[in-house]
Amino acid sequence: MPLYKSIEHDKNTTIYIWKIEESFEELYSLLKLNDNSEARLREMKSELHQKGFLSVRHLLKEAGYTDFDLYYNEYGKPLLKDNKHISISHSYQYAGIIISNHDVGIDIEKNRPKIVTIQKKFVNTEVDSLSGEDLVKQLTVIWGAKEAMYKIYPYGGLSFHNHIAIDPFLFAKGKSSGRVIYGNWRKYYNIFYRFLEDDFTLVYALPAE
């Protein structure tokens, strides 16, 4: 089974990435799902989404958990019964989870040119800066960072454009910083990113020290 890689960010935080190469039947046959997950799986009309969903459950196994250890709050934020923090992402042939003692967020995105046409929806030029590097990859990092920070916020309702910002970065550094400011919520994060095979980008966020 293709665990693509695990990344030990530090002693408290690990990222697990799955490259989805199996059929639905192969992924499903090796899992035991709770009733809620079975119902969600059957409601999914896309096999791509079903395989992403199942791959996340295989990553839980890699991390020492089962589907029965995972639940969601009323806003759809995933939680673990042992009070560790978890965030989940899947995109096309990749799925990823991050598990930490800290509240964390993760996003995996395919680098696609069409992101340039929608950048005004999530890039706020008053607080977000662009450099001269590859625009598609740069915008994908920005989107991924904002998505990762959005996933940390527990209540929903954030605007990528108005409430979440990322500081300037260069690809070679592999990191930046960002913040979520909304109502009484004012928190700062360290952003980390790397480029995967097949033109995908992984981004994750951790609270700034």
N, C-alpha and C. Protein backbone atom coordinates (compact mmCIF):
# COMPACT_ATOMS: atom_id res chain seq x y z
N MET A 1 0.86 -1.19 0.00
CA MET A 1 0.00 0.00 0.00
C MET A 1 0.89 1.24 0.00
N PRO A 2 0.59 2.23 -0.81
CA PRO A 2 1.56 3.30 -1.04
C PRO A 2 1.50 4.48 -0.06
N LEU A 3 2.07 4.28 1.13
CA LEU A 3 2.37 5.44 1.95
C LEU A 3 3.46 6.20 1.21
N TYR A 4 3.13 7.36 0.70
CA TYR A 4 4.08 8.12 -0.12
C TYR A 4 5.25 8.60 0.73
N LYS A 5 4.94 9.19 1.87
CA LYS A 5 5.99 9.59 2.79
C LYS A 5 5.39 10.03 4.11
N SER A 6 6.19 9.95 5.15
CA SER A 6 5.83 10.56 6.43
C SER A 6 6.90 11.59 6.74
N ILE A 7 6.47 12.70 7.29
CA ILE A 7 7.36 13.81 7.59
C ILE A 7 7.25 14.12 9.07
N GLU A 8 8.31 13.89 9.80
CA GLU A 8 8.31 14.24 11.23
C GLU A 8 8.77 15.69 11.35
N HIS A 9 7.81 16.58 11.46
CA HIS A 9 8.14 17.99 11.54
C HIS A 9 8.91 18.29 12.82
N ASP A 10 8.44 17.75 13.93
CA ASP A 10 9.15 17.81 15.21
C ASP A 10 8.60 16.68 16.06
N LYS A 11 9.02 16.60 17.31
CA LYS A 11 8.61 15.46 18.15
C LYS A 11 7.12 15.43 18.44
N ASN A 12 6.44 16.54 18.19
CA ASN A 12 5.00 16.63 18.48
C ASN A 12 4.11 16.60 17.25
N THR A 13 4.71 16.62 16.05
CA THR A 13 3.91 16.82 14.83
C THR A 13 4.43 15.94 13.70
N THR A 14 3.54 15.14 13.10
CA THR A 14 3.91 14.29 11.98
C THR A 14 2.88 14.42 10.86
N ILE A 15 3.38 14.45 9.63
CA ILE A 15 2.54 14.49 8.44
C ILE A 15 2.66 13.15 7.72
N TYR A 16 1.52 12.62 7.28
CA TYR A 16 1.48 11.37 6.53
C TYR A 16 0.83 11.64 5.17
N ILE A 17 1.50 11.19 4.09
CA ILE A 17 1.01 11.43 2.74
C ILE A 17 0.80 10.09 2.03
N TRP A 18 -0.34 9.93 1.41
CA TRP A 18 -0.69 8.71 0.68
C TRP A 18 -0.80 9.03 -0.81
N LYS A 19 -0.20 8.21 -1.63
CA LYS A 19 -0.38 8.33 -3.08
C LYS A 19 -1.39 7.28 -3.51
N ILE A 20 -2.52 7.73 -4.02
CA ILE A 20 -3.65 6.84 -4.27
C ILE A 20 -3.47 6.12 -5.60
N GLU A 21 -3.13 4.84 -5.52
CA GLU A 21 -2.91 4.04 -6.72
C GLU A 21 -3.82 2.81 -6.76
N GLU A 22 -4.54 2.54 -5.66
CA GLU A 22 -5.37 1.35 -5.56
C GLU A 22 -6.76 1.61 -6.14
N SER A 23 -7.47 0.54 -6.38
CA SER A 23 -8.88 0.63 -6.74
C SER A 23 -9.70 0.90 -5.48
N PHE A 24 -10.94 1.31 -5.68
CA PHE A 24 -11.84 1.49 -4.55
C PHE A 24 -11.94 0.20 -3.73
N GLU A 25 -12.09 -0.93 -4.40
CA GLU A 25 -12.25 -2.21 -3.72
C GLU A 25 -11.04 -2.56 -2.87
N GLU A 26 -9.84 -2.29 -3.39
CA GLU A 26 -8.63 -2.57 -2.62
C GLU A 26 -8.57 -1.71 -1.36
N LEU A 27 -8.88 -0.45 -1.49
CA LEU A 27 -8.85 0.45 -0.34
C LEU A 27 -9.91 0.07 0.69
N TYR A 28 -11.10 -0.24 0.21
CA TYR A 28 -12.24 -0.50 1.11
C TYR A 28 -12.07 -1.82 1.85
N SER A 29 -11.55 -2.83 1.17
CA SER A 29 -11.54 -4.18 1.73
C SER A 29 -10.67 -4.31 2.98
N LEU A 30 -9.72 -3.42 3.16
CA LEU A 30 -8.79 -3.52 4.28
C LEU A 30 -9.15 -2.61 5.45
N LEU A 31 -10.35 -2.04 5.41
CA LEU A 31 -10.76 -1.10 6.45
C LEU A 31 -12.03 -1.55 7.15
N LYS A 32 -12.17 -1.11 8.39
CA LYS A 32 -13.44 -1.23 9.11
C LYS A 32 -13.88 0.19 9.44
N LEU A 33 -15.03 0.59 8.94
CA LEU A 33 -15.51 1.96 9.10
C LEU A 33 -16.66 2.01 10.10
N ASN A 34 -16.77 3.14 10.78
CA ASN A 34 -17.93 3.32 11.66
C ASN A 34 -19.17 3.62 10.80
N ASP A 35 -20.33 3.57 11.41
CA ASP A 35 -21.58 3.71 10.66
C ASP A 35 -21.69 5.06 9.95
N ASN A 36 -21.23 6.11 10.62
CA ASN A 36 -21.30 7.44 10.01
C ASN A 36 -20.41 7.52 8.77
N SER A 37 -19.21 6.95 8.85
CA SER A 37 -18.31 6.96 7.70
C SER A 37 -18.87 6.13 6.55
N GLU A 38 -19.48 4.98 6.87
CA GLU A 38 -20.11 4.16 5.82
C GLU A 38 -21.18 4.96 5.10
N ALA A 39 -21.98 5.71 5.87
CA ALA A 39 -23.05 6.50 5.26
C ALA A 39 -22.48 7.61 4.40
N ARG A 40 -21.45 8.30 4.89
CA ARG A 40 -20.82 9.38 4.11
C ARG A 40 -20.22 8.83 2.82
N LEU A 41 -19.57 7.70 2.92
CA LEU A 41 -18.93 7.09 1.75
C LEU A 41 -19.96 6.78 0.67
N ARG A 42 -21.09 6.23 1.06
CA ARG A 42 -22.12 5.85 0.10
C ARG A 42 -22.80 7.06 -0.53
N GLU A 43 -22.77 8.19 0.15
CA GLU A 43 -23.38 9.40 -0.39
C GLU A 43 -22.50 10.09 -1.43
N MET A 44 -21.21 9.74 -1.45
CA MET A 44 -20.28 10.38 -2.39
C MET A 44 -20.52 9.85 -3.80
N LYS A 45 -20.73 10.77 -4.73
CA LYS A 45 -21.02 10.37 -6.11
C LYS A 45 -19.75 10.14 -6.93
N SER A 46 -18.65 10.70 -6.49
CA SER A 46 -17.39 10.58 -7.22
C SER A 46 -16.51 9.50 -6.61
N GLU A 47 -16.03 8.57 -7.43
CA GLU A 47 -15.10 7.56 -6.93
C GLU A 47 -13.79 8.20 -6.49
N LEU A 48 -13.41 9.30 -7.13
CA LEU A 48 -12.20 10.01 -6.72
C LEU A 48 -12.32 10.47 -5.27
N HIS A 49 -13.47 11.01 -4.90
CA HIS A 49 -13.68 11.45 -3.52
C HIS A 49 -13.75 10.25 -2.58
N GLN A 50 -14.38 9.18 -3.02
CA GLN A 50 -14.45 7.98 -2.19
C GLN A 50 -13.05 7.45 -1.89
N LYS A 51 -12.20 7.41 -2.91
CA LYS A 51 -10.84 6.88 -2.72
C LYS A 51 -10.02 7.81 -1.83
N GLY A 52 -10.23 9.12 -1.96
CA GLY A 52 -9.56 10.04 -1.07
C GLY A 52 -9.99 9.83 0.37
N PHE A 53 -11.27 9.67 0.58
CA PHE A 53 -11.84 9.42 1.90
C PHE A 53 -11.25 8.16 2.52
N LEU A 54 -11.18 7.09 1.74
CA LEU A 54 -10.63 5.83 2.25
C LEU A 54 -9.13 5.92 2.49
N SER A 55 -8.43 6.64 1.62
CA SER A 55 -6.98 6.80 1.81
C SER A 55 -6.66 7.49 3.11
N VAL A 56 -7.49 8.46 3.49
CA VAL A 56 -7.31 9.13 4.78
C VAL A 56 -7.43 8.12 5.91
N ARG A 57 -8.36 7.16 5.80
CA ARG A 57 -8.50 6.14 6.85
C ARG A 57 -7.30 5.20 6.88
N HIS A 58 -6.66 4.97 5.74
CA HIS A 58 -5.42 4.19 5.74
C HIS A 58 -4.30 4.98 6.41
N LEU A 59 -4.29 6.28 6.21
CA LEU A 59 -3.28 7.11 6.89
C LEU A 59 -3.49 7.09 8.39
N LEU A 60 -4.74 7.07 8.83
CA LEU A 60 -5.02 6.95 10.26
C LEU A 60 -4.39 5.67 10.81
N LYS A 61 -4.50 4.57 10.05
CA LYS A 61 -3.89 3.31 10.48
C LYS A 61 -2.38 3.45 10.59
N GLU A 62 -1.77 4.15 9.62
CA GLU A 62 -0.32 4.36 9.65
C GLU A 62 0.09 5.13 10.91
N ALA A 63 -0.81 5.99 11.38
CA ALA A 63 -0.52 6.82 12.56
C ALA A 63 -0.94 6.14 13.86
N GLY A 64 -1.48 4.92 13.77
CA GLY A 64 -1.85 4.19 14.97
C GLY A 64 -3.28 4.39 15.42
N TYR A 65 -4.15 4.89 14.52
CA TYR A 65 -5.55 5.13 14.85
C TYR A 65 -6.44 4.27 13.96
N THR A 66 -7.74 4.33 14.24
CA THR A 66 -8.73 3.73 13.36
C THR A 66 -9.80 4.78 13.06
N ASP A 67 -10.69 4.44 12.16
CA ASP A 67 -11.79 5.34 11.83
C ASP A 67 -12.66 5.64 13.05
N PHE A 68 -12.68 4.72 14.02
CA PHE A 68 -13.49 4.90 15.22
C PHE A 68 -12.90 5.92 16.18
N ASP A 69 -11.65 6.32 15.94
CA ASP A 69 -11.00 7.34 16.77
C ASP A 69 -11.26 8.75 16.26
N LEU A 70 -11.87 8.86 15.08
CA LEU A 70 -12.05 10.15 14.42
C LEU A 70 -13.52 10.58 14.48
N TYR A 71 -13.75 11.85 14.81
CA TYR A 71 -15.11 12.40 14.75
C TYR A 71 -15.02 13.86 14.33
N TYR A 72 -16.17 14.51 14.15
CA TYR A 72 -16.21 15.87 13.61
C TYR A 72 -17.09 16.75 14.50
N ASN A 73 -16.70 18.03 14.63
CA ASN A 73 -17.57 18.95 15.37
C ASN A 73 -18.68 19.45 14.44
N GLU A 74 -19.52 20.32 14.95
CA GLU A 74 -20.69 20.77 14.19
C GLU A 74 -20.32 21.58 12.96
N TYR A 75 -19.08 22.08 12.89
CA TYR A 75 -18.63 22.85 11.74
C TYR A 75 -17.83 22.00 10.75
N GLY A 76 -17.72 20.70 11.04
CA GLY A 76 -17.01 19.80 10.14
C GLY A 76 -15.52 19.67 10.42
N LYS A 77 -15.06 20.24 11.53
CA LYS A 77 -13.63 20.14 11.88
C LYS A 77 -13.35 18.75 12.46
N PRO A 78 -12.37 18.02 11.91
CA PRO A 78 -12.06 16.67 12.42
C PRO A 78 -11.35 16.73 13.78
N LEU A 79 -11.66 15.76 14.63
CA LEU A 79 -11.10 15.69 15.97
C LEU A 79 -10.75 14.23 16.29
N LEU A 80 -9.80 14.04 17.17
CA LEU A 80 -9.41 12.71 17.62
C LEU A 80 -9.82 12.51 19.08
N LYS A 81 -10.21 11.30 19.41
CA LYS A 81 -10.72 11.03 20.76
C LYS A 81 -9.65 11.14 21.84
N ASP A 82 -8.37 11.02 21.46
CA ASP A 82 -7.31 11.15 22.47
C ASP A 82 -6.86 12.60 22.65
N ASN A 83 -7.60 13.54 22.03
CA ASN A 83 -7.35 14.99 22.16
C ASN A 83 -6.12 15.48 21.40
N LYS A 84 -5.49 14.61 20.62
CA LYS A 84 -4.49 15.10 19.67
C LYS A 84 -5.22 15.88 18.58
N HIS A 85 -4.50 16.78 17.92
CA HIS A 85 -5.09 17.59 16.86
C HIS A 85 -4.81 16.94 15.51
N ILE A 86 -5.79 17.01 14.62
CA ILE A 86 -5.65 16.41 13.29
C ILE A 86 -6.24 17.35 12.24
N SER A 87 -5.65 17.36 11.06
CA SER A 87 -6.20 18.03 9.91
C SER A 87 -6.04 17.10 8.72
N ILE A 88 -6.94 17.23 7.74
CA ILE A 88 -7.06 16.27 6.64
C ILE A 88 -7.15 17.01 5.31
N SER A 89 -6.53 16.43 4.28
CA SER A 89 -6.69 16.96 2.92
C SER A 89 -6.55 15.83 1.92
N HIS A 90 -7.29 15.92 0.82
CA HIS A 90 -7.02 15.03 -0.31
C HIS A 90 -7.34 15.75 -1.62
N SER A 91 -6.51 15.48 -2.62
CA SER A 91 -6.62 16.13 -3.91
C SER A 91 -6.14 15.18 -5.00
N TYR A 92 -7.07 14.74 -5.85
CA TYR A 92 -6.73 13.83 -6.94
C TYR A 92 -6.04 12.59 -6.39
N GLN A 93 -4.75 12.37 -6.73
CA GLN A 93 -4.11 11.12 -6.32
C GLN A 93 -3.32 11.23 -5.01
N TYR A 94 -3.50 12.30 -4.27
CA TYR A 94 -2.82 12.42 -2.98
C TYR A 94 -3.81 12.66 -1.85
N ALA A 95 -3.50 12.07 -0.70
CA ALA A 95 -4.24 12.35 0.53
C ALA A 95 -3.21 12.60 1.62
N GLY A 96 -3.57 13.42 2.58
CA GLY A 96 -2.62 13.72 3.65
C GLY A 96 -3.34 14.02 4.96
N ILE A 97 -2.68 13.68 6.06
CA ILE A 97 -3.13 14.09 7.39
C ILE A 97 -1.94 14.64 8.15
N ILE A 98 -2.21 15.52 9.09
CA ILE A 98 -1.20 15.99 10.02
C ILE A 98 -1.76 15.79 11.41
N ILE A 99 -0.95 15.23 12.30
CA ILE A 99 -1.34 14.96 13.68
C ILE A 99 -0.33 15.61 14.60
N SER A 100 -0.83 16.30 15.62
CA SER A 100 0.06 17.11 16.45
C SER A 100 -0.52 17.30 17.84
N ASN A 101 0.34 17.69 18.77
CA ASN A 101 -0.11 18.15 20.08
C ASN A 101 -0.65 19.57 19.99
N HIS A 102 -0.38 20.24 18.87
CA HIS A 102 -0.83 21.61 18.65
C HIS A 102 -1.96 21.62 17.61
N ASP A 103 -2.76 22.68 17.61
CA ASP A 103 -3.79 22.81 16.59
C ASP A 103 -3.11 23.10 15.25
N VAL A 104 -3.43 22.30 14.24
CA VAL A 104 -2.70 22.34 12.96
C VAL A 104 -3.67 22.28 11.78
N GLY A 105 -3.17 22.68 10.63
CA GLY A 105 -3.95 22.59 9.40
C GLY A 105 -3.07 22.12 8.26
N ILE A 106 -3.66 21.41 7.30
CA ILE A 106 -2.91 20.89 6.15
C ILE A 106 -3.74 21.07 4.88
N ASP A 107 -3.05 21.25 3.76
CA ASP A 107 -3.73 21.29 2.47
C ASP A 107 -2.80 20.74 1.40
N ILE A 108 -3.36 19.96 0.49
CA ILE A 108 -2.65 19.48 -0.69
C ILE A 108 -3.42 19.97 -1.91
N GLU A 109 -2.71 20.60 -2.84
CA GLU A 109 -3.36 21.15 -4.03
C GLU A 109 -2.56 20.80 -5.27
N LYS A 110 -3.26 20.57 -6.37
CA LYS A 110 -2.60 20.43 -7.67
C LYS A 110 -2.32 21.83 -8.21
N ASN A 111 -1.13 22.03 -8.75
CA ASN A 111 -0.78 23.33 -9.33
C ASN A 111 -1.46 23.45 -10.69
N ARG A 112 -2.50 24.27 -10.76
CA ARG A 112 -3.28 24.40 -11.99
C ARG A 112 -3.34 25.85 -12.45
N PRO A 113 -3.13 26.10 -13.73
CA PRO A 113 -3.10 27.47 -14.24
C PRO A 113 -4.36 28.27 -13.96
N LYS A 114 -5.50 27.62 -13.82
CA LYS A 114 -6.74 28.37 -13.64
C LYS A 114 -6.78 29.14 -12.33
N ILE A 115 -5.85 28.82 -11.40
CA ILE A 115 -5.82 29.55 -10.14
C ILE A 115 -5.51 31.03 -10.38
N VAL A 116 -4.81 31.33 -11.49
CA VAL A 116 -4.48 32.73 -11.80
C VAL A 116 -5.75 33.54 -12.04
N THR A 117 -6.76 32.91 -12.63
CA THR A 117 -7.98 33.64 -12.98
C THR A 117 -8.87 33.92 -11.78
N ILE A 118 -8.64 33.21 -10.66
CA ILE A 118 -9.49 33.43 -9.48
C ILE A 118 -8.72 34.07 -8.32
N GLN A 119 -7.50 34.53 -8.58
CA GLN A 119 -6.66 35.00 -7.48
C GLN A 119 -7.28 36.16 -6.70
N LYS A 120 -8.10 36.99 -7.36
CA LYS A 120 -8.68 38.13 -6.66
C LYS A 120 -9.64 37.70 -5.55
N LYS A 121 -10.12 36.46 -5.62
CA LYS A 121 -11.04 35.96 -4.61
C LYS A 121 -10.34 35.65 -3.29
N PHE A 122 -9.02 35.36 -3.35
CA PHE A 122 -8.34 34.97 -2.12
C PHE A 122 -7.05 35.72 -1.84
N VAL A 123 -6.53 36.46 -2.82
CA VAL A 123 -5.33 37.27 -2.60
C VAL A 123 -5.76 38.71 -2.31
N ASN A 124 -5.37 39.20 -1.16
CA ASN A 124 -5.64 40.58 -0.76
C ASN A 124 -4.35 41.35 -0.90
N THR A 125 -4.23 42.16 -1.90
CA THR A 125 -2.96 42.83 -2.19
C THR A 125 -2.55 43.83 -1.11
N GLU A 126 -3.45 44.13 -0.21
CA GLU A 126 -3.09 45.03 0.90
C GLU A 126 -2.25 44.31 1.94
N VAL A 127 -2.40 42.99 2.02
CA VAL A 127 -1.66 42.24 3.05
C VAL A 127 -0.86 41.07 2.47
N ASP A 128 -1.22 40.57 1.29
CA ASP A 128 -0.50 39.46 0.66
C ASP A 128 0.43 40.01 -0.43
N SER A 129 1.67 39.53 -0.45
CA SER A 129 2.63 40.02 -1.44
C SER A 129 3.01 38.90 -2.41
N LEU A 130 3.18 39.26 -3.69
CA LEU A 130 3.62 38.32 -4.70
C LEU A 130 5.04 38.65 -5.13
N SER A 131 5.83 37.62 -5.40
CA SER A 131 7.20 37.83 -5.87
C SER A 131 7.26 37.52 -7.36
N GLY A 132 8.47 37.42 -7.91
CA GLY A 132 8.62 37.15 -9.33
C GLY A 132 8.70 35.66 -9.66
N GLU A 133 8.50 34.80 -8.67
CA GLU A 133 8.60 33.36 -8.92
C GLU A 133 7.35 32.84 -9.63
N ASP A 134 7.42 31.59 -10.05
CA ASP A 134 6.33 30.93 -10.77
C ASP A 134 4.97 31.30 -10.15
N LEU A 135 4.14 31.99 -10.91
CA LEU A 135 2.91 32.54 -10.36
C LEU A 135 1.93 31.46 -9.95
N VAL A 136 1.80 30.40 -10.76
CA VAL A 136 0.85 29.34 -10.43
C VAL A 136 1.24 28.67 -9.12
N LYS A 137 2.51 28.31 -8.98
CA LYS A 137 2.95 27.68 -7.74
C LYS A 137 2.84 28.63 -6.55
N GLN A 138 3.15 29.87 -6.79
CA GLN A 138 3.09 30.87 -5.73
C GLN A 138 1.65 31.03 -5.22
N LEU A 139 0.72 31.15 -6.15
CA LEU A 139 -0.68 31.28 -5.77
C LEU A 139 -1.19 30.01 -5.10
N THR A 140 -0.68 28.86 -5.53
CA THR A 140 -1.09 27.60 -4.92
C THR A 140 -0.61 27.53 -3.47
N VAL A 141 0.59 28.00 -3.21
CA VAL A 141 1.08 28.05 -1.83
C VAL A 141 0.20 28.98 -0.99
N ILE A 142 -0.13 30.14 -1.54
CA ILE A 142 -0.97 31.10 -0.81
C ILE A 142 -2.33 30.48 -0.51
N TRP A 143 -2.95 29.89 -1.54
CA TRP A 143 -4.24 29.24 -1.32
C TRP A 143 -4.11 28.14 -0.26
N GLY A 144 -3.09 27.29 -0.40
CA GLY A 144 -2.89 26.19 0.54
C GLY A 144 -2.67 26.67 1.95
N ALA A 145 -1.90 27.74 2.11
CA ALA A 145 -1.65 28.30 3.44
C ALA A 145 -2.94 28.82 4.06
N LYS A 146 -3.73 29.51 3.25
CA LYS A 146 -4.98 30.05 3.77
C LYS A 146 -5.97 28.93 4.09
N GLU A 147 -5.98 27.90 3.26
CA GLU A 147 -6.84 26.74 3.53
C GLU A 147 -6.41 26.06 4.83
N ALA A 148 -5.10 25.90 5.03
CA ALA A 148 -4.59 25.26 6.25
C ALA A 148 -4.97 26.07 7.49
N MET A 149 -4.83 27.39 7.42
CA MET A 149 -5.20 28.23 8.57
C MET A 149 -6.71 28.24 8.78
N TYR A 150 -7.45 28.21 7.68
CA TYR A 150 -8.91 28.13 7.75
C TYR A 150 -9.35 26.87 8.51
N LYS A 151 -8.66 25.77 8.26
CA LYS A 151 -9.02 24.50 8.90
C LYS A 151 -8.73 24.52 10.40
N ILE A 152 -7.80 25.33 10.83
CA ILE A 152 -7.51 25.42 12.26
C ILE A 152 -8.64 26.14 12.99
N TYR A 153 -9.17 27.17 12.37
CA TYR A 153 -10.25 27.95 12.99
C TYR A 153 -11.46 27.04 13.22
N PRO A 154 -11.98 26.94 14.43
CA PRO A 154 -12.96 25.90 14.74
C PRO A 154 -14.40 26.22 14.42
N TYR A 155 -14.72 27.44 13.97
CA TYR A 155 -16.12 27.84 13.90
C TYR A 155 -16.65 28.08 12.49
N GLY A 156 -15.82 28.12 11.48
CA GLY A 156 -16.29 28.40 10.13
C GLY A 156 -16.58 29.88 9.92
N GLY A 157 -16.89 30.24 8.67
CA GLY A 157 -17.29 31.61 8.38
C GLY A 157 -16.19 32.57 8.00
N LEU A 158 -14.95 32.08 7.89
CA LEU A 158 -13.84 32.97 7.53
C LEU A 158 -13.85 33.29 6.05
N SER A 159 -13.34 34.47 5.71
CA SER A 159 -13.09 34.85 4.32
C SER A 159 -11.60 34.75 4.04
N PHE A 160 -11.23 33.99 3.01
CA PHE A 160 -9.82 33.91 2.63
C PHE A 160 -9.27 35.30 2.33
N HIS A 161 -10.06 36.12 1.70
CA HIS A 161 -9.61 37.44 1.26
C HIS A 161 -9.49 38.42 2.42
N ASN A 162 -10.44 38.41 3.33
CA ASN A 162 -10.51 39.45 4.35
C ASN A 162 -9.93 39.09 5.71
N HIS A 163 -9.91 37.80 6.04
CA HIS A 163 -9.57 37.43 7.41
C HIS A 163 -8.28 36.63 7.56
N ILE A 164 -7.71 36.18 6.44
CA ILE A 164 -6.51 35.33 6.50
C ILE A 164 -5.43 35.94 5.62
N ALA A 165 -4.20 36.03 6.14
CA ALA A 165 -3.10 36.63 5.37
C ALA A 165 -1.85 35.77 5.50
N ILE A 166 -1.01 35.81 4.46
CA ILE A 166 0.28 35.13 4.49
C ILE A 166 1.35 36.14 4.11
N ASP A 167 2.48 36.07 4.79
CA ASP A 167 3.58 36.99 4.55
C ASP A 167 4.39 36.56 3.32
N PRO A 168 5.21 37.47 2.76
CA PRO A 168 6.01 37.14 1.58
C PRO A 168 6.90 35.92 1.81
N PHE A 169 7.17 35.19 0.74
CA PHE A 169 8.01 33.99 0.85
C PHE A 169 8.71 33.74 -0.47
N LEU A 170 9.78 32.96 -0.41
CA LEU A 170 10.49 32.47 -1.59
C LEU A 170 10.49 30.96 -1.54
N PHE A 171 10.35 30.31 -2.69
CA PHE A 171 10.21 28.86 -2.74
C PHE A 171 11.33 28.14 -1.98
N ALA A 172 12.55 28.61 -2.14
CA ALA A 172 13.70 27.91 -1.58
C ALA A 172 13.66 27.81 -0.06
N LYS A 173 12.99 28.75 0.58
CA LYS A 173 12.96 28.74 2.06
C LYS A 173 12.01 27.68 2.60
N GLY A 174 10.97 27.38 1.87
CA GLY A 174 10.03 26.35 2.32
C GLY A 174 9.17 26.76 3.50
N LYS A 175 9.17 28.02 3.85
CA LYS A 175 8.35 28.44 4.98
C LYS A 175 8.00 29.92 4.89
N SER A 176 6.95 30.28 5.60
CA SER A 176 6.52 31.66 5.70
C SER A 176 5.78 31.81 7.03
N SER A 177 4.97 32.82 7.13
CA SER A 177 4.15 33.03 8.32
C SER A 177 2.82 33.62 7.89
N GLY A 178 1.83 33.47 8.73
CA GLY A 178 0.51 33.97 8.38
C GLY A 178 -0.31 34.24 9.63
N ARG A 179 -1.52 34.69 9.43
CA ARG A 179 -2.36 35.05 10.57
C ARG A 179 -3.83 34.98 10.19
N VAL A 180 -4.65 34.75 11.20
CA VAL A 180 -6.09 34.78 11.08
C VAL A 180 -6.60 35.82 12.06
N ILE A 181 -7.27 36.83 11.55
CA ILE A 181 -7.82 37.89 12.40
C ILE A 181 -9.30 38.03 12.06
N TYR A 182 -10.13 37.66 13.02
CA TYR A 182 -11.57 37.68 12.79
C TYR A 182 -12.28 37.80 14.14
N GLY A 183 -12.95 38.90 14.37
CA GLY A 183 -13.60 39.12 15.65
C GLY A 183 -12.58 39.10 16.78
N ASN A 184 -12.81 38.27 17.78
CA ASN A 184 -11.89 38.15 18.91
C ASN A 184 -10.75 37.17 18.66
N TRP A 185 -10.77 36.53 17.49
CA TRP A 185 -9.74 35.55 17.14
C TRP A 185 -8.59 36.28 16.45
N ARG A 186 -7.43 36.27 17.06
CA ARG A 186 -6.25 36.92 16.49
C ARG A 186 -5.05 36.00 16.74
N LYS A 187 -4.74 35.16 15.76
CA LYS A 187 -3.70 34.16 15.98
C LYS A 187 -2.73 34.13 14.79
N TYR A 188 -1.48 33.78 15.12
CA TYR A 188 -0.38 33.81 14.15
C TYR A 188 0.17 32.39 13.97
N TYR A 189 0.61 32.11 12.75
CA TYR A 189 1.01 30.75 12.41
C TYR A 189 2.31 30.73 11.60
N ASN A 190 3.06 29.64 11.76
CA ASN A 190 4.17 29.34 10.87
C ASN A 190 3.65 28.46 9.74
N ILE A 191 4.02 28.82 8.53
CA ILE A 191 3.55 28.11 7.34
C ILE A 191 4.74 27.36 6.72
N PHE A 192 4.53 26.10 6.38
CA PHE A 192 5.56 25.27 5.75
C PHE A 192 4.98 24.67 4.47
N TYR A 193 5.82 24.57 3.44
CA TYR A 193 5.33 24.04 2.18
C TYR A 193 6.45 23.30 1.46
N ARG A 194 6.04 22.38 0.63
CA ARG A 194 6.99 21.67 -0.24
C ARG A 194 6.23 21.20 -1.48
N PHE A 195 6.98 20.99 -2.55
CA PHE A 195 6.39 20.57 -3.81
C PHE A 195 6.55 19.07 -3.97
N LEU A 196 5.44 18.39 -4.23
CA LEU A 196 5.42 16.94 -4.40
C LEU A 196 5.56 16.57 -5.87
N GLU A 197 5.68 15.29 -6.13
CA GLU A 197 5.70 14.80 -7.51
C GLU A 197 4.37 15.12 -8.19
N ASP A 198 4.36 15.04 -9.48
CA ASP A 198 3.14 15.20 -10.28
C ASP A 198 2.56 16.60 -10.19
N ASP A 199 3.39 17.58 -9.81
CA ASP A 199 2.98 18.98 -9.79
C ASP A 199 1.91 19.27 -8.73
N PHE A 200 2.13 18.75 -7.53
CA PHE A 200 1.27 19.03 -6.39
C PHE A 200 2.05 19.80 -5.34
N THR A 201 1.32 20.54 -4.51
CA THR A 201 1.91 21.32 -3.44
C THR A 201 1.30 20.94 -2.10
N LEU A 202 2.16 20.70 -1.12
CA LEU A 202 1.75 20.43 0.25
C LEU A 202 2.03 21.65 1.10
N VAL A 203 1.04 22.09 1.87
CA VAL A 203 1.20 23.22 2.78
C VAL A 203 0.62 22.84 4.13
N TYR A 204 1.30 23.21 5.21
CA TYR A 204 0.72 23.00 6.53
C TYR A 204 1.05 24.16 7.45
N ALA A 205 0.20 24.34 8.45
CA ALA A 205 0.32 25.49 9.37
C ALA A 205 0.36 25.01 10.81
N LEU A 206 1.24 25.66 11.58
CA LEU A 206 1.38 25.40 13.01
C LEU A 206 1.35 26.72 13.76
N PRO A 207 0.87 26.73 15.00
CA PRO A 207 0.88 27.99 15.76
C PRO A 207 2.28 28.56 15.88
N ALA A 208 2.41 29.87 15.72
CA ALA A 208 3.71 30.52 15.91
C ALA A 208 4.05 30.52 17.39
N GLU A 209 5.32 30.32 17.69
CA GLU A 209 5.74 30.28 19.09
C GLU A 209 5.83 31.68 19.66
